Amino acid sequence: MPVQTTTSPASAAPAPAAPASAKPKRPIEILRERHGGMSKELKDYFNEQQKIYKALRAALKNGPRTVPQLAQECSLPSPAVMWHLMALRRYGEVLDGPEQNGYLLYTLKGA
């Protein structure tokens, strides 16, 4: 005796296809959707950091500078200047130069 199978209308309908032009989401987009993106405080913090790096690069474009000179020129405390200079140095954007009055001169790479 043959077994008769029935299909329900819901299971027989094919799943709707995604538009051909739709790109798959990148992992970062998925994370942003799940967690709501960056907070305003975090965005402000990163923007401030970028302003500091930009100011240091601009000052170093004018020639080699010591940490106290950069601090005065950029209106930043010396420890903050040193911190950011070491980050720029680590990523190869700043080079150590000769010593002047007990301080190293820092130079922007390629300037």
C-alpha atoms as a PDB file:
ATOM      1  CA  MET A   1       0.000   0.000   0.000  1.00  0.00           C
ATOM      2  CA  PRO A   2       1.546   3.307  -0.999  1.00  0.00           C
ATOM      3  CA  VAL A   3       2.091   5.893   1.718  1.00  0.00           C
ATOM      4  CA  GLN A   4       0.569   9.207   0.936  1.00  0.00           C
ATOM      5  CA  THR A   5       2.380  12.316   2.181  1.00  0.00           C
ATOM      6  CA  THR A   6       0.841  15.694   2.465  1.00  0.00           C
ATOM      7  CA  THR A   7       2.616  18.967   2.510  1.00  0.00           C
ATOM      8  CA  SER A   8       1.354  21.992   4.291  1.00  0.00           C
ATOM      9  CA  PRO A   9       1.157  25.202   2.285  1.00  0.00           C
ATOM     10  CA  ALA A  10       3.640  26.926   4.641  1.00  0.00           C
ATOM     11  CA  SER A  11       6.358  24.322   4.171  1.00  0.00           C
ATOM     12  CA  ALA A  12       5.854  24.127   0.412  1.00  0.00           C
ATOM     13  CA  ALA A  13       6.541  27.817  -0.169  1.00  0.00           C
ATOM     14  CA  PRO A  14      10.183  28.606  -0.846  1.00  0.00           C
ATOM     15  CA  ALA A  15      11.980  31.030   1.424  1.00  0.00           C
ATOM     16  CA  PRO A  16      12.132  34.572   0.050  1.00  0.00           C
ATOM     17  CA  ALA A  17      15.414  35.153  -1.722  1.00  0.00           C
ATOM     18  CA  ALA A  18      17.646  38.059  -0.794  1.00  0.00           C
ATOM     19  CA  PRO A  19      18.059  40.697  -3.480  1.00  0.00           C
ATOM     20  CA  ALA A  20      20.945  39.930  -5.810  1.00  0.00           C
ATOM     21  CA  SER A  21      22.647  43.239  -4.994  1.00  0.00           C
ATOM     22  CA  ALA A  22      22.584  42.762  -1.201  1.00  0.00           C
ATOM     23  CA  LYS A  23      26.061  42.325   0.297  1.00  0.00           C
ATOM     24  CA  PRO A  24      26.615  40.027   3.245  1.00  0.00           C
ATOM     25  CA  LYS A  25      27.101  41.918   6.484  1.00  0.00           C
ATOM     26  CA  ARG A  26      30.629  42.306   7.775  1.00  0.00           C
ATOM     27  CA  PRO A  27      31.335  41.129  11.326  1.00  0.00           C
ATOM     28  CA  ILE A  28      31.815  44.714  12.531  1.00  0.00           C
ATOM     29  CA  GLU A  29      28.350  45.653  11.232  1.00  0.00           C
ATOM     30  CA  ILE A  30      26.796  42.702  13.044  1.00  0.00           C
ATOM     31  CA  LEU A  31      28.536  43.696  16.293  1.00  0.00           C
ATOM     32  CA  ARG A  32      27.370  47.291  15.959  1.00  0.00           C
ATOM     33  CA  GLU A  33      23.786  46.131  15.493  1.00  0.00           C
ATOM     34  CA  ARG A  34      23.962  43.841  18.513  1.00  0.00           C
ATOM     35  CA  HIS A  35      25.675  46.300  20.861  1.00  0.00           C
ATOM     36  CA  GLY A  36      24.348  49.606  19.582  1.00  0.00           C
ATOM     37  CA  GLY A  37      27.657  51.016  18.364  1.00  0.00           C
ATOM     38  CA  MET A  38      30.017  53.248  20.311  1.00  0.00           C
ATOM     39  CA  SER A  39      28.821  55.451  23.125  1.00  0.00           C
ATOM     40  CA  LYS A  40      29.097  59.210  22.728  1.00  0.00           C
ATOM     41  CA  GLU A  41      31.750  59.316  25.458  1.00  0.00           C
ATOM     42  CA  LEU A  42      33.894  56.771  23.616  1.00  0.00           C
ATOM     43  CA  LYS A  43      33.505  58.620  20.308  1.00  0.00           C
ATOM     44  CA  ASP A  44      34.513  61.876  22.002  1.00  0.00           C
ATOM     45  CA  TYR A  45      37.542  60.171  23.564  1.00  0.00           C
ATOM     46  CA  PHE A  46      38.749  58.800  20.223  1.00  0.00           C
ATOM     47  CA  ASN A  47      38.152  62.143  18.500  1.00  0.00           C
ATOM     48  CA  GLU A  48      40.237  63.888  21.174  1.00  0.00           C
ATOM     49  CA  GLN A  49      43.040  61.343  20.724  1.00  0.00           C
ATOM     50  CA  GLN A  50      43.060  61.961  16.981  1.00  0.00           C
ATOM     51  CA  LYS A  51      43.266  65.723  17.553  1.00  0.00           C
ATOM     52  CA  ILE A  52      46.335  65.194  19.756  1.00  0.00           C
ATOM     53  CA  TYR A  53      48.051  63.006  17.148  1.00  0.00           C
ATOM     54  CA  LYS A  54      47.231  65.553  14.456  1.00  0.00           C
ATOM     55  CA  ALA A  55      48.669  68.415  16.546  1.00  0.00           C
ATOM     56  CA  LEU A  56      51.868  66.454  17.242  1.00  0.00           C
ATOM     57  CA  ARG A  57      52.320  65.564  13.571  1.00  0.00           C
ATOM     58  CA  ALA A  58      51.760  69.190  12.562  1.00  0.00           C
ATOM     59  CA  ALA A  59      54.339  70.421  15.083  1.00  0.00           C
ATOM     60  CA  LEU A  60      56.873  67.813  13.958  1.00  0.00           C
ATOM     61  CA  LYS A  61      56.403  68.789  10.296  1.00  0.00           C
ATOM     62  CA  ASN A  62      58.122  72.062  11.186  1.00  0.00           C
ATOM     63  CA  GLY A  63      61.257  70.171  12.230  1.00  0.00           C
ATOM     64  CA  PRO A  64      62.656  68.108  15.103  1.00  0.00           C
ATOM     65  CA  ARG A  65      61.284  68.903  18.559  1.00  0.00           C
ATOM     66  CA  THR A  66      61.870  67.787  22.140  1.00  0.00           C
ATOM     67  CA  VAL A  67      59.055  66.695  24.441  1.00  0.00           C
ATOM     68  CA  PRO A  68      58.974  70.058  26.324  1.00  0.00           C
ATOM     69  CA  GLN A  69      58.887  71.960  23.028  1.00  0.00           C
ATOM     70  CA  LEU A  70      56.026  69.811  21.745  1.00  0.00           C
ATOM     71  CA  ALA A  71      54.155  70.160  25.041  1.00  0.00           C
ATOM     72  CA  GLN A  72      54.400  73.937  24.876  1.00  0.00           C
ATOM     73  CA  GLU A  73      53.525  74.116  21.182  1.00  0.00           C
ATOM     74  CA  CYS A  74      50.516  71.790  21.485  1.00  0.00           C
ATOM     75  CA  SER A  75      49.385  73.039  24.932  1.00  0.00           C
ATOM     76  CA  LEU A  76      49.561  69.551  26.414  1.00  0.00           C
ATOM     77  CA  PRO A  77      51.189  68.167  29.554  1.00  0.00           C
ATOM     78  CA  SER A  78      54.606  66.564  28.953  1.00  0.00           C
ATOM     79  CA  PRO A  79      53.515  63.066  30.118  1.00  0.00           C
ATOM     80  CA  ALA A  80      50.666  63.097  27.569  1.00  0.00           C
ATOM     81  CA  VAL A  81      53.043  64.211  24.808  1.00  0.00           C
ATOM     82  CA  MET A  82      55.486  61.462  25.732  1.00  0.00           C
ATOM     83  CA  TRP A  83      52.699  58.858  25.757  1.00  0.00           C
ATOM     84  CA  HIS A  84      51.488  59.819  22.285  1.00  0.00           C
ATOM     85  CA  LEU A  85      55.015  60.160  20.902  1.00  0.00           C
ATOM     86  CA  MET A  86      55.808  56.620  22.028  1.00  0.00           C
ATOM     87  CA  ALA A  87      52.683  55.375  20.255  1.00  0.00           C
ATOM     88  CA  LEU A  88      53.693  57.203  17.069  1.00  0.00           C
ATOM     89  CA  ARG A  89      57.219  55.844  17.439  1.00  0.00           C
ATOM     90  CA  ARG A  90      55.968  52.298  17.934  1.00  0.00           C
ATOM     91  CA  TYR A  91      54.071  52.466  14.656  1.00  0.00           C
ATOM     92  CA  GLY A  92      57.014  53.956  12.777  1.00  0.00           C
ATOM     93  CA  GLU A  93      55.708  57.500  12.327  1.00  0.00           C
ATOM     94  CA  VAL A  94      58.269  59.194  14.599  1.00  0.00           C
ATOM     95  CA  LEU A  95      62.027  58.678  14.831  1.00  0.00           C
ATOM     96  CA  ASP A  96      64.447  59.429  17.665  1.00  0.00           C
ATOM     97  CA  GLY A  97      67.054  62.005  16.855  1.00  0.00           C
ATOM     98  CA  PRO A  98      70.103  63.430  18.587  1.00  0.00           C
ATOM     99  CA  GLU A  99      70.012  64.778  22.120  1.00  0.00           C
ATOM    100  CA  GLN A 100      69.545  68.496  22.828  1.00  0.00           C
ATOM    101  CA  ASN A 101      69.884  69.902  26.368  1.00  0.00           C
ATOM    102  CA  GLY A 102      69.298  66.472  27.871  1.00  0.00           C
ATOM    103  CA  TYR A 103      66.198  65.731  25.760  1.00  0.00           C
ATOM    104  CA  LEU A 104      65.872  63.607  22.646  1.00  0.00           C
ATOM    105  CA  LEU A 105      64.789  65.350  19.483  1.00  0.00           C
ATOM    106  CA  TYR A 106      61.915  63.599  17.742  1.00  0.00           C
ATOM    107  CA  THR A 107      61.413  63.757  14.007  1.00  0.00           C
ATOM    108  CA  LEU A 108      58.445  62.895  11.833  1.00  0.00           C
ATOM    109  CA  LYS A 109      59.380  60.062   9.486  1.00  0.00           C
ATOM    110  CA  GLY A 110      59.567  61.277   5.910  1.00  0.00           C
ATOM    111  CA  ALA A 111      59.587  64.970   6.838  1.00  0.00           C
END
